[in-house]
Amino acid sequence: MERRGEEVELEKSVRRLREKFYGRVSVEEAVLLMRRYHNNHAMVCKVIVLCREQLGDADPEERRILEHDPVVKKVVEKLKQEEEQQKQKPGLDCESDKDIEAIAQQLRVLPLTERNLRMFDHASRNLIPSAERQFACQACDSTWWRRVPERKQVSRCRLCGKRYDPVPYDKMWGTAEFHCPSCNRSFRGSAQMGMASPCFICSTRVLPGRILSPHQVAGPRSRNPHSCYAEDCYNRREPHVPGTHCVHPRSRAKNRLPKVLFASLEHQSTGSTVATCLSQGSLAQCDLDELLLEDLAEESEGSED
């Protein structure tokens, strides 16, 4: 158990350091630095960004950790396997003698594009930008929300194990937020983007502004019953729109329709990103440490099949 905990802590710190620099730090370099500085990814990140610390070549004995330390070896093998599965071609030699100064020099010559400036800004503030996205597996008729890195928005269905891209913003559904332009009232209700619902005050047809994630919906529910212009809505408002379907769970169940309104596309790896995902934990458990632990546990379960 102690060794397993050590592996988890090392992998978490390696993933975080690599994600902060968009995967430009190789697995071997990240593992070596995290082992050297006791998983203090925040401190190493700051030194890289500020280029304040001058380091000589690494001790050859330190490099041998990669071959003889069982914890390091297991983490390296796992992360390298992920890269191979995603068709990655590491640009750095595994045996090259790199350290913080070398990494800083590599990053220093990057063009000052908006994307690179944003990367340095986030890294200097110890941030890994993430987004809350909706995913849907048509085969399993399953929908879920995940907090995923903005740079790599992919999630795995827990039922079938397939990886999916998020539902497009204009196809999302669930609890929507509306703002009536006629009476200036804001309200919430079940809807899909592009499908209008009536304002309960003035009956104006209002399109949803956005779909809310589960934690944004927290709070008391409205006492007004759902109503929309979909043809099969259990509480249909006239004039209805022929051929449209209500997204409210009660209507879906009544009409024996699947939960999934618009299926996510299965993710196709292009090799443009590296295996540095934050987690595949649910939004109900937002602590990063817990999410990473959950992700590692899920991967272990999958490897036993």
Foldseek 3Di string as FASTA:
>chain_A
DVLVVVLLLLLLLLLLLCLLQQNLQDSLQSSLVCVVVVSPSLVLLQCLLVVPDDDDWDDPVSLCCCVPVPSNVVSSVVQVVQLVVLVADRPDDSPDGDYSNNSSVVLVPDDPDPVSVVSSVCSNVSHQAWDWFKAADPVVLDIAIFIKGPVDAWAADLPPGFIFHGDDFQFDWDWFWWADPPPRDIDIDTDTAPFWAADPPPGDTIGTPGHDHPVVPDDDDDPDDGEGQDPQDPRYDPPHDPPGATQDPVSCVVVVHGNDPDHTDGDDRPNPGGPSMQANDHPVDPDSSVRSVVRVVSVVVVVVD
